[in-house]
């Protein structure tokens, strides 16, 4: 028997670990296993079980298990959405729409670098959150944030035709690519050692340099400008940028990033706010209370 369930409690008796788990319908099961290595309370697993009984009491013996977050992205996304908050856009649709933007890039060097990086990262990129707490902190949040920014960029390109869509589309897709290393994962997300010591801006820029060298583009203007977009996309040093944005595309990406991260959270807060009342303090906008009309 296979069971996908979240571990809600762990105790021991007679040298056996007893797990209390719940499936997506909130049904409770009692599972037993002799070695608990690899199982953590609060996480969800795909269990392979065998029925057993002792002293007239039925239970399930765990034969094997897999952390669902480590399954391939499509299967992981399907199970994760049963147990945790998730993006309103499906995994399949997120992949299609983001690659559609990359396919609109005309410059071969920019497109090759962006596609190569996303291809390598896609198993994590499309199911990871965008942050541990602040914004888009749910299954698929990183891709949803990226897609939101890509859609916002269309209006900027229409109003300011001097902007280069190739740098803008690639920069948006790659700007948070380092978060798949900066963050520990999808469940109980924390910042890794690399995330704390380097940060996703630097991690992403290093990845561009690595892939550009692999593809023979390491001395190109395109690779350099993509690196600049990533290290500058927090705008100012106090927010983590190594440089201030110094190209039009880097500048607009900073503003678009700020808009989407703040307004998406504001929308989520307003959904829980009664009309003609003030919201709770919104953390991403300096804990300001917003009046809902």
C-alpha atoms as a PDB file:
ATOM      1  CA  UNK A   1       0.000   0.000   0.000  1.00  0.00           C
ATOM      2  CA  UNK A   2       1.203   3.496  -0.829  1.00  0.00           C
ATOM      3  CA  UNK A   3       0.246   6.502   1.278  1.00  0.00           C
ATOM      4  CA  UNK A   4       1.142  10.184   0.947  1.00  0.00           C
ATOM      5  CA  UNK A   5       0.880  11.718   4.406  1.00  0.00           C
ATOM      6  CA  UNK A   6       2.257  14.416   6.678  1.00  0.00           C
ATOM      7  CA  UNK A   7       4.038  13.375   9.882  1.00  0.00           C
ATOM      8  CA  UNK A   8       2.192  14.981  12.822  1.00  0.00           C
ATOM      9  CA  UNK A   9       3.785  13.134  15.748  1.00  0.00           C
ATOM     10  CA  UNK A  10       6.628  10.769  16.616  1.00  0.00           C
ATOM     11  CA  UNK A  11       7.182   8.683  19.757  1.00  0.00           C
ATOM     12  CA  UNK A  12       8.968   5.467  20.681  1.00  0.00           C
ATOM     13  CA  UNK A  13       8.011   2.224  22.427  1.00  0.00           C
ATOM     14  CA  UNK A  14       9.633  -1.233  22.460  1.00  0.00           C
ATOM     15  CA  UNK A  15      12.547   0.133  20.338  1.00  0.00           C
ATOM     16  CA  UNK A  16      10.099   0.999  17.555  1.00  0.00           C
ATOM     17  CA  UNK A  17       9.216   4.466  16.348  1.00  0.00           C
ATOM     18  CA  UNK A  18       5.496   5.211  16.174  1.00  0.00           C
ATOM     19  CA  UNK A  19       4.415   7.840  13.659  1.00  0.00           C
ATOM     20  CA  UNK A  20       1.063   9.595  13.629  1.00  0.00           C
ATOM     21  CA  UNK A  21       0.420  10.811  10.086  1.00  0.00           C
ATOM     22  CA  UNK A  22      -2.458  12.481   8.234  1.00  0.00           C
ATOM     23  CA  UNK A  23      -3.374  12.248   4.565  1.00  0.00           C
ATOM     24  CA  UNK A  24      -4.816  15.061   2.422  1.00  0.00           C
ATOM     25  CA  UNK A  25      -8.343  14.279   3.667  1.00  0.00           C
ATOM     26  CA  UNK A  26      -7.168  14.568   7.298  1.00  0.00           C
ATOM     27  CA  UNK A  27      -7.480  10.813   7.911  1.00  0.00           C
ATOM     28  CA  UNK A  28      -5.104   9.645  10.670  1.00  0.00           C
ATOM     29  CA  UNK A  29      -2.851   6.572  10.437  1.00  0.00           C
ATOM     30  CA  UNK A  30      -0.500   4.852  12.866  1.00  0.00           C
ATOM     31  CA  UNK A  31       2.766   3.803  11.229  1.00  0.00           C
ATOM     32  CA  UNK A  32       5.772   2.008  12.696  1.00  0.00           C
ATOM     33  CA  UNK A  33       9.425   1.920  11.663  1.00  0.00           C
ATOM     34  CA  UNK A  34      12.634   0.703  13.347  1.00  0.00           C
ATOM     35  CA  UNK A  35      14.931   3.446  12.005  1.00  0.00           C
ATOM     36  CA  UNK A  36      13.671   7.020  11.771  1.00  0.00           C
ATOM     37  CA  UNK A  37      16.669   8.482   9.931  1.00  0.00           C
ATOM     38  CA  UNK A  38      15.391  10.699   7.121  1.00  0.00           C
ATOM     39  CA  UNK A  39      11.946  11.326   8.635  1.00  0.00           C
ATOM     40  CA  UNK A  40      11.154  14.695  10.225  1.00  0.00           C
ATOM     41  CA  UNK A  41       7.981  15.777  11.961  1.00  0.00           C
ATOM     42  CA  UNK A  42       6.044  18.330   9.902  1.00  0.00           C
ATOM     43  CA  UNK A  43       7.259  16.944   6.576  1.00  0.00           C
ATOM     44  CA  UNK A  44       5.277  14.918   4.053  1.00  0.00           C
ATOM     45  CA  UNK A  45       6.361  11.573   2.600  1.00  0.00           C
ATOM     46  CA  UNK A  46       5.309   8.923   0.112  1.00  0.00           C
ATOM     47  CA  UNK A  47       5.190   5.787   2.285  1.00  0.00           C
ATOM     48  CA  UNK A  48       5.259   2.194   1.061  1.00  0.00           C
ATOM     49  CA  UNK A  49       3.385   0.259   3.762  1.00  0.00           C
ATOM     50  CA  UNK A  50       2.671  -3.285   4.869  1.00  0.00           C
ATOM     51  CA  UNK A  51      -0.336  -4.161   7.049  1.00  0.00           C
ATOM     52  CA  UNK A  52       0.426  -5.743  10.425  1.00  0.00           C
ATOM     53  CA  UNK A  53      -1.194  -6.350  13.810  1.00  0.00           C
ATOM     54  CA  UNK A  54      -0.078  -6.963  17.378  1.00  0.00           C
ATOM     55  CA  UNK A  55      -2.159  -7.819  20.438  1.00  0.00           C
ATOM     56  CA  UNK A  56      -5.299  -7.334  18.384  1.00  0.00           C
ATOM     57  CA  UNK A  57      -4.293  -3.836  17.231  1.00  0.00           C
ATOM     58  CA  UNK A  58      -3.833  -3.069  13.527  1.00  0.00           C
ATOM     59  CA  UNK A  59      -1.088  -0.799  12.235  1.00  0.00           C
ATOM     60  CA  UNK A  60       1.102  -0.265   9.182  1.00  0.00           C
ATOM     61  CA  UNK A  61       4.799  -1.093   8.983  1.00  0.00           C
ATOM     62  CA  UNK A  62       6.855   1.303   6.831  1.00  0.00           C
ATOM     63  CA  UNK A  63       8.807  -0.657   4.215  1.00  0.00           C
ATOM     64  CA  UNK A  64      10.253   2.427   2.496  1.00  0.00           C
ATOM     65  CA  UNK A  65       9.583   6.155   2.125  1.00  0.00           C
ATOM     66  CA  UNK A  66      10.447   9.165  -0.025  1.00  0.00           C
ATOM     67  CA  UNK A  67      10.372  12.856   0.819  1.00  0.00           C
ATOM     68  CA  UNK A  68       7.807  14.202  -1.658  1.00  0.00           C
ATOM     69  CA  UNK A  69       9.810  17.405  -2.126  1.00  0.00           C
ATOM     70  CA  UNK A  70      12.592  15.274  -3.655  1.00  0.00           C
ATOM     71  CA  UNK A  71      10.393  13.612  -6.285  1.00  0.00           C
ATOM     72  CA  UNK A  72      10.455  14.904  -9.860  1.00  0.00           C
ATOM     73  CA  UNK A  73       8.908  18.377 -10.045  1.00  0.00           C
ATOM     74  CA  UNK A  74       5.576  17.357 -11.593  1.00  0.00           C
ATOM     75  CA  UNK A  75       4.897  14.606  -9.048  1.00  0.00           C
ATOM     76  CA  UNK A  76       6.192  16.714  -6.137  1.00  0.00           C
ATOM     77  CA  UNK A  77       4.003  19.666  -7.142  1.00  0.00           C
ATOM     78  CA  UNK A  78       0.911  17.429  -7.299  1.00  0.00           C
ATOM     79  CA  UNK A  79       1.412  16.104  -3.775  1.00  0.00           C
ATOM     80  CA  UNK A  80       2.685  19.353  -2.232  1.00  0.00           C
ATOM     81  CA  UNK A  81      -0.462  21.218  -3.281  1.00  0.00           C
ATOM     82  CA  UNK A  82      -2.529  18.759  -1.213  1.00  0.00           C
ATOM     83  CA  UNK A  83      -0.755  19.739   2.014  1.00  0.00           C
ATOM     84  CA  UNK A  84       0.685  23.256   1.668  1.00  0.00           C
ATOM     85  CA  UNK A  85      -0.319  26.691   0.278  1.00  0.00           C
ATOM     86  CA  UNK A  86       0.520  26.931  -3.428  1.00  0.00           C
ATOM     87  CA  UNK A  87       0.587  29.256  -6.421  1.00  0.00           C
ATOM     88  CA  UNK A  88      -2.790  29.724  -8.145  1.00  0.00           C
ATOM     89  CA  UNK A  89      -1.122  28.830 -11.451  1.00  0.00           C
ATOM     90  CA  UNK A  90      -0.389  25.171 -12.166  1.00  0.00           C
ATOM     91  CA  UNK A  91       3.121  23.858 -12.618  1.00  0.00           C
ATOM     92  CA  UNK A  92       2.420  22.981 -16.253  1.00  0.00           C
ATOM     93  CA  UNK A  93       1.072  26.449 -17.057  1.00  0.00           C
ATOM     94  CA  UNK A  94       3.956  28.190 -15.252  1.00  0.00           C
ATOM     95  CA  UNK A  95       6.503  26.230 -17.302  1.00  0.00           C
ATOM     96  CA  UNK A  96       4.713  26.958 -20.567  1.00  0.00           C
ATOM     97  CA  UNK A  97       4.290  30.677 -19.986  1.00  0.00           C
ATOM     98  CA  UNK A  98       7.833  31.360 -18.743  1.00  0.00           C
ATOM     99  CA  UNK A  99       9.441  29.426 -21.600  1.00  0.00           C
ATOM    100  CA  UNK A 100       7.156  31.297 -24.013  1.00  0.00           C
ATOM    101  CA  UNK A 101       8.802  34.540 -22.866  1.00  0.00           C
ATOM    102  CA  UNK A 102      12.283  33.078 -23.320  1.00  0.00           C
ATOM    103  CA  UNK A 103      11.354  31.982 -26.826  1.00  0.00           C
ATOM    104  CA  UNK A 104      10.547  35.612 -27.684  1.00  0.00           C
ATOM    105  CA  UNK A 105      14.192  36.609 -27.087  1.00  0.00           C
ATOM    106  CA  UNK A 106      15.918  37.403 -30.388  1.00  0.00           C
ATOM    107  CA  UNK A 107      19.531  37.694 -29.253  1.00  0.00           C
ATOM    108  CA  UNK A 108      21.049  34.207 -29.482  1.00  0.00           C
ATOM    109  CA  UNK A 109      23.621  34.719 -26.722  1.00  0.00           C
ATOM    110  CA  UNK A 110      21.075  36.045 -24.222  1.00  0.00           C
ATOM    111  CA  UNK A 111      18.598  33.303 -25.082  1.00  0.00           C
ATOM    112  CA  UNK A 112      21.165  30.496 -24.948  1.00  0.00           C
ATOM    113  CA  UNK A 113      22.405  31.559 -21.498  1.00  0.00           C
ATOM    114  CA  UNK A 114      18.915  32.002 -20.029  1.00  0.00           C
ATOM    115  CA  UNK A 115      17.514  28.747 -21.426  1.00  0.00           C
ATOM    116  CA  UNK A 116      20.549  26.721 -20.355  1.00  0.00           C
ATOM    117  CA  UNK A 117      20.335  28.006 -16.786  1.00  0.00           C
ATOM    118  CA  UNK A 118      16.571  27.496 -16.503  1.00  0.00           C
ATOM    119  CA  UNK A 119      16.753  24.014 -18.050  1.00  0.00           C
ATOM    120  CA  UNK A 120      19.239  22.969 -15.373  1.00  0.00           C
ATOM    121  CA  UNK A 121      17.258  24.592 -12.534  1.00  0.00           C
ATOM    122  CA  UNK A 122      13.693  23.784 -13.583  1.00  0.00           C
ATOM    123  CA  UNK A 123      13.084  20.827 -11.235  1.00  0.00           C
ATOM    124  CA  UNK A 124      13.480  23.199  -8.280  1.00  0.00           C
ATOM    125  CA  UNK A 125      12.660  26.565  -9.850  1.00  0.00           C
ATOM    126  CA  UNK A 126       9.026  25.757 -10.647  1.00  0.00           C
ATOM    127  CA  UNK A 127       8.121  24.391  -7.202  1.00  0.00           C
ATOM    128  CA  UNK A 128      10.273  26.539  -4.855  1.00  0.00           C
ATOM    129  CA  UNK A 129       8.913  29.494  -2.877  1.00  0.00           C
ATOM    130  CA  UNK A 130      10.281  32.967  -3.634  1.00  0.00           C
ATOM    131  CA  UNK A 131      11.113  33.653   0.017  1.00  0.00           C
ATOM    132  CA  UNK A 132      11.077  32.094   3.453  1.00  0.00           C
ATOM    133  CA  UNK A 133       8.529  34.581   4.826  1.00  0.00           C
ATOM    134  CA  UNK A 134       8.125  37.920   3.067  1.00  0.00           C
ATOM    135  CA  UNK A 135       6.455  37.275  -0.296  1.00  0.00           C
ATOM    136  CA  UNK A 136       5.358  34.386  -2.539  1.00  0.00           C
ATOM    137  CA  UNK A 137       6.335  31.997   0.282  1.00  0.00           C
ATOM    138  CA  UNK A 138       4.423  28.974  -0.997  1.00  0.00           C
ATOM    139  CA  UNK A 139       4.752  26.069  -3.408  1.00  0.00           C
ATOM    140  CA  UNK A 140       5.448  27.474  -6.889  1.00  0.00           C
ATOM    141  CA  UNK A 141       5.886  30.993  -5.510  1.00  0.00           C
ATOM    142  CA  UNK A 142       9.210  31.596  -7.251  1.00  0.00           C
ATOM    143  CA  UNK A 143       7.785  30.876 -10.700  1.00  0.00           C
ATOM    144  CA  UNK A 144       4.575  32.817  -9.928  1.00  0.00           C
ATOM    145  CA  UNK A 145       6.615  35.880  -8.893  1.00  0.00           C
ATOM    146  CA  UNK A 146       8.724  35.576 -12.037  1.00  0.00           C
ATOM    147  CA  UNK A 147       5.653  35.301 -14.232  1.00  0.00           C
ATOM    148  CA  UNK A 148       4.040  38.278 -12.517  1.00  0.00           C
ATOM    149  CA  UNK A 149       7.122  40.355 -13.282  1.00  0.00           C
ATOM    150  CA  UNK A 150       7.192  39.214 -16.914  1.00  0.00           C
ATOM    151  CA  UNK A 151       3.581  40.313 -17.342  1.00  0.00           C
ATOM    152  CA  UNK A 152       4.312  43.688 -15.740  1.00  0.00           C
ATOM    153  CA  UNK A 153       7.263  44.164 -18.081  1.00  0.00           C
ATOM    154  CA  UNK A 154       4.942  44.131 -21.112  1.00  0.00           C
ATOM    155  CA  UNK A 155       3.474  47.490 -20.092  1.00  0.00           C
ATOM    156  CA  UNK A 156       6.912  49.009 -19.547  1.00  0.00           C
ATOM    157  CA  UNK A 157       8.069  47.834 -22.971  1.00  0.00           C
ATOM    158  CA  UNK A 158       4.971  49.338 -24.572  1.00  0.00           C
ATOM    159  CA  UNK A 159       5.377  52.706 -22.843  1.00  0.00           C
ATOM    160  CA  UNK A 160       9.171  52.933 -23.060  1.00  0.00           C
ATOM    161  CA  UNK A 161      10.250  51.503 -26.425  1.00  0.00           C
ATOM    162  CA  UNK A 162      13.930  52.173 -25.716  1.00  0.00           C
ATOM    163  CA  UNK A 163      13.913  49.218 -23.305  1.00  0.00           C
ATOM    164  CA  UNK A 164      15.516  46.045 -24.661  1.00  0.00           C
ATOM    165  CA  UNK A 165      13.045  43.154 -24.233  1.00  0.00           C
ATOM    166  CA  UNK A 166      15.761  40.507 -24.560  1.00  0.00           C
ATOM    167  CA  UNK A 167      17.698  41.717 -21.512  1.00  0.00           C
ATOM    168  CA  UNK A 168      14.480  42.408 -19.622  1.00  0.00           C
ATOM    169  CA  UNK A 169      12.866  38.994 -20.220  1.00  0.00           C
ATOM    170  CA  UNK A 170      16.102  37.086 -19.523  1.00  0.00           C
ATOM    171  CA  UNK A 171      16.927  39.255 -16.520  1.00  0.00           C
ATOM    172  CA  UNK A 172      13.506  38.682 -14.974  1.00  0.00           C
ATOM    173  CA  UNK A 173      13.651  34.908 -15.478  1.00  0.00           C
ATOM    174  CA  UNK A 174      17.158  34.720 -14.009  1.00  0.00           C
ATOM    175  CA  UNK A 175      16.988  37.408 -11.309  1.00  0.00           C
ATOM    176  CA  UNK A 176      15.987  35.025  -8.499  1.00  0.00           C
ATOM    177  CA  UNK A 177      17.496  31.827  -9.907  1.00  0.00           C
ATOM    178  CA  UNK A 178      19.985  31.809  -7.031  1.00  0.00           C
ATOM    179  CA  UNK A 179      17.125  31.234  -4.584  1.00  0.00           C
ATOM    180  CA  UNK A 180      17.126  27.522  -5.364  1.00  0.00           C
ATOM    181  CA  UNK A 181      20.492  27.523  -3.555  1.00  0.00           C
ATOM    182  CA  UNK A 182      19.823  30.380  -1.130  1.00  0.00           C
ATOM    183  CA  UNK A 183      16.722  28.647   0.283  1.00  0.00           C
ATOM    184  CA  UNK A 184      16.669  25.214   1.911  1.00  0.00           C
ATOM    185  CA  UNK A 185      13.587  23.933   0.105  1.00  0.00           C
ATOM    186  CA  UNK A 186       9.812  24.042  -0.066  1.00  0.00           C
ATOM    187  CA  UNK A 187       8.822  22.891   3.427  1.00  0.00           C
ATOM    188  CA  UNK A 188       9.895  24.787   6.570  1.00  0.00           C
ATOM    189  CA  UNK A 189      11.986  27.032   4.342  1.00  0.00           C
ATOM    190  CA  UNK A 190      15.147  28.514   5.827  1.00  0.00           C
ATOM    191  CA  UNK A 191      18.242  30.233   4.465  1.00  0.00           C
ATOM    192  CA  UNK A 192      21.190  27.956   3.687  1.00  0.00           C
ATOM    193  CA  UNK A 193      24.809  28.702   4.585  1.00  0.00           C
ATOM    194  CA  UNK A 194      25.439  29.718   0.960  1.00  0.00           C
ATOM    195  CA  UNK A 195      22.344  31.898   1.054  1.00  0.00           C
ATOM    196  CA  UNK A 196      23.493  33.725   4.155  1.00  0.00           C
ATOM    197  CA  UNK A 197      27.137  34.123   3.091  1.00  0.00           C
ATOM    198  CA  UNK A 198      26.617  34.900  -0.612  1.00  0.00           C
ATOM    199  CA  UNK A 199      22.947  35.691  -1.256  1.00  0.00           C
ATOM    200  CA  UNK A 200      20.935  34.909  -4.365  1.00  0.00           C
ATOM    201  CA  UNK A 201      22.122  37.967  -6.316  1.00  0.00           C
ATOM    202  CA  UNK A 202      25.747  36.831  -6.219  1.00  0.00           C
ATOM    203  CA  UNK A 203      24.859  33.143  -6.622  1.00  0.00           C
ATOM    204  CA  UNK A 204      22.834  33.961  -9.760  1.00  0.00           C
ATOM    205  CA  UNK A 205      25.556  36.171 -11.251  1.00  0.00           C
ATOM    206  CA  UNK A 206      28.131  33.435 -10.644  1.00  0.00           C
ATOM    207  CA  UNK A 207      25.868  30.999 -12.485  1.00  0.00           C
ATOM    208  CA  UNK A 208      25.656  33.314 -15.497  1.00  0.00           C
ATOM    209  CA  UNK A 209      29.441  33.556 -15.596  1.00  0.00           C
ATOM    210  CA  UNK A 210      29.771  29.766 -15.353  1.00  0.00           C
ATOM    211  CA  UNK A 211      27.241  29.036 -18.117  1.00  0.00           C
ATOM    212  CA  UNK A 212      28.557  31.815 -20.366  1.00  0.00           C
ATOM    213  CA  UNK A 213      32.044  30.269 -20.137  1.00  0.00           C
ATOM    214  CA  UNK A 214      30.636  26.807 -20.864  1.00  0.00           C
ATOM    215  CA  UNK A 215      28.847  28.093 -23.973  1.00  0.00           C
ATOM    216  CA  UNK A 216      31.804  30.180 -25.167  1.00  0.00           C
ATOM    217  CA  UNK A 217      30.135  33.509 -24.339  1.00  0.00           C
ATOM    218  CA  UNK A 218      32.244  34.518 -21.328  1.00  0.00           C
ATOM    219  CA  UNK A 219      33.803  37.584 -23.007  1.00  0.00           C
ATOM    220  CA  UNK A 220      30.564  38.934 -24.436  1.00  0.00           C
ATOM    221  CA  UNK A 221      28.749  42.146 -23.606  1.00  0.00           C
ATOM    222  CA  UNK A 222      25.539  40.138 -23.212  1.00  0.00           C
ATOM    223  CA  UNK A 223      26.915  38.001 -20.387  1.00  0.00           C
ATOM    224  CA  UNK A 224      28.337  41.045 -18.622  1.00  0.00           C
ATOM    225  CA  UNK A 225      25.061  42.978 -18.768  1.00  0.00           C
ATOM    226  CA  UNK A 226      23.059  39.980 -17.525  1.00  0.00           C
ATOM    227  CA  UNK A 227      25.466  39.675 -14.587  1.00  0.00           C
ATOM    228  CA  UNK A 228      24.964  43.380 -13.861  1.00  0.00           C
ATOM    229  CA  UNK A 229      21.184  42.986 -13.864  1.00  0.00           C
ATOM    230  CA  UNK A 230      21.416  40.248 -11.255  1.00  0.00           C
ATOM    231  CA  UNK A 231      23.883  41.919  -8.875  1.00  0.00           C
ATOM    232  CA  UNK A 232      21.931  45.213  -9.001  1.00  0.00           C
ATOM    233  CA  UNK A 233      18.316  44.057  -8.869  1.00  0.00           C
ATOM    234  CA  UNK A 234      17.791  45.038  -5.220  1.00  0.00           C
ATOM    235  CA  UNK A 235      18.505  48.605  -6.245  1.00  0.00           C
ATOM    236  CA  UNK A 236      20.650  49.920  -3.417  1.00  0.00           C
ATOM    237  CA  UNK A 237      23.390  48.494  -1.182  1.00  0.00           C
ATOM    238  CA  UNK A 238      21.308  48.496   2.010  1.00  0.00           C
ATOM    239  CA  UNK A 239      18.932  46.007   0.355  1.00  0.00           C
ATOM    240  CA  UNK A 240      21.760  43.737  -0.817  1.00  0.00           C
ATOM    241  CA  UNK A 241      22.740  45.101  -4.224  1.00  0.00           C
ATOM    242  CA  UNK A 242      26.433  44.989  -5.080  1.00  0.00           C
ATOM    243  CA  UNK A 243      25.874  47.858  -7.529  1.00  0.00           C
ATOM    244  CA  UNK A 244      23.098  50.311  -8.264  1.00  0.00           C
ATOM    245  CA  UNK A 245      21.270  49.584 -11.554  1.00  0.00           C
ATOM    246  CA  UNK A 246      23.200  51.219 -14.397  1.00  0.00           C
ATOM    247  CA  UNK A 247      21.256  50.099 -17.481  1.00  0.00           C
ATOM    248  CA  UNK A 248      17.607  50.867 -18.292  1.00  0.00           C
ATOM    249  CA  UNK A 249      16.709  47.169 -18.088  1.00  0.00           C
ATOM    250  CA  UNK A 250      18.418  46.740 -14.708  1.00  0.00           C
ATOM    251  CA  UNK A 251      16.620  49.811 -13.372  1.00  0.00           C
ATOM    252  CA  UNK A 252      13.165  48.783 -14.528  1.00  0.00           C
ATOM    253  CA  UNK A 253      13.662  45.220 -13.291  1.00  0.00           C
ATOM    254  CA  UNK A 254      14.347  46.587  -9.792  1.00  0.00           C
ATOM    255  CA  UNK A 255      11.093  48.554  -9.851  1.00  0.00           C
ATOM    256  CA  UNK A 256       9.069  45.664 -11.291  1.00  0.00           C
ATOM    257  CA  UNK A 257      10.501  43.308  -8.663  1.00  0.00           C
ATOM    258  CA  UNK A 258       9.491  45.729  -5.927  1.00  0.00           C
ATOM    259  CA  UNK A 259       5.993  46.212  -7.346  1.00  0.00           C
ATOM    260  CA  UNK A 260       5.187  42.522  -7.710  1.00  0.00           C
ATOM    261  CA  UNK A 261       6.598  41.477  -4.338  1.00  0.00           C
ATOM    262  CA  UNK A 262       4.673  44.192  -2.494  1.00  0.00           C
ATOM    263  CA  UNK A 263       1.386  44.233  -4.397  1.00  0.00           C
ATOM    264  CA  UNK A 264       0.993  40.444  -4.406  1.00  0.00           C
ATOM    265  CA  UNK A 265       1.278  40.412  -0.619  1.00  0.00           C
ATOM    266  CA  UNK A 266      -1.070  43.395  -0.363  1.00  0.00           C
ATOM    267  CA  UNK A 267      -3.658  41.522  -2.435  1.00  0.00           C
ATOM    268  CA  UNK A 268      -3.422  38.511  -0.125  1.00  0.00           C
ATOM    269  CA  UNK A 269      -3.919  40.737   2.924  1.00  0.00           C
ATOM    270  CA  UNK A 270      -6.884  42.581   1.371  1.00  0.00           C
ATOM    271  CA  UNK A 271      -8.599  39.258   0.617  1.00  0.00           C
ATOM    272  CA  UNK A 272      -8.847  38.760   4.387  1.00  0.00           C
ATOM    273  CA  UNK A 273      -9.928  42.375   5.063  1.00  0.00           C
ATOM    274  CA  UNK A 274     -13.549  43.520   5.353  1.00  0.00           C
ATOM    275  CA  UNK A 275     -14.702  46.322   3.039  1.00  0.00           C
ATOM    276  CA  UNK A 276     -14.544  49.832   4.582  1.00  0.00           C
ATOM    277  CA  UNK A 277     -12.004  48.736   7.190  1.00  0.00           C
ATOM    278  CA  UNK A 278      -8.239  48.928   7.554  1.00  0.00           C
ATOM    279  CA  UNK A 279      -6.101  45.888   6.937  1.00  0.00           C
ATOM    280  CA  UNK A 280      -3.662  44.451   9.406  1.00  0.00           C
ATOM    281  CA  UNK A 281      -0.189  46.048   9.171  1.00  0.00           C
ATOM    282  CA  UNK A 282       1.426  44.929   5.895  1.00  0.00           C
ATOM    283  CA  UNK A 283       5.037  43.945   6.535  1.00  0.00           C
ATOM    284  CA  UNK A 284       6.372  44.492   3.006  1.00  0.00           C
ATOM    285  CA  UNK A 285       5.145  48.114   2.971  1.00  0.00           C
ATOM    286  CA  UNK A 286       6.670  49.184   6.284  1.00  0.00           C
ATOM    287  CA  UNK A 287       3.801  47.688   8.309  1.00  0.00           C
ATOM    288  CA  UNK A 288       1.340  50.234   6.899  1.00  0.00           C
ATOM    289  CA  UNK A 289      -2.389  49.581   7.358  1.00  0.00           C
ATOM    290  CA  UNK A 290      -4.289  49.862   4.069  1.00  0.00           C
ATOM    291  CA  UNK A 291      -7.940  50.942   3.829  1.00  0.00           C
ATOM    292  CA  UNK A 292     -10.077  48.610   1.698  1.00  0.00           C
ATOM    293  CA  UNK A 293     -12.782  50.484  -0.244  1.00  0.00           C
END
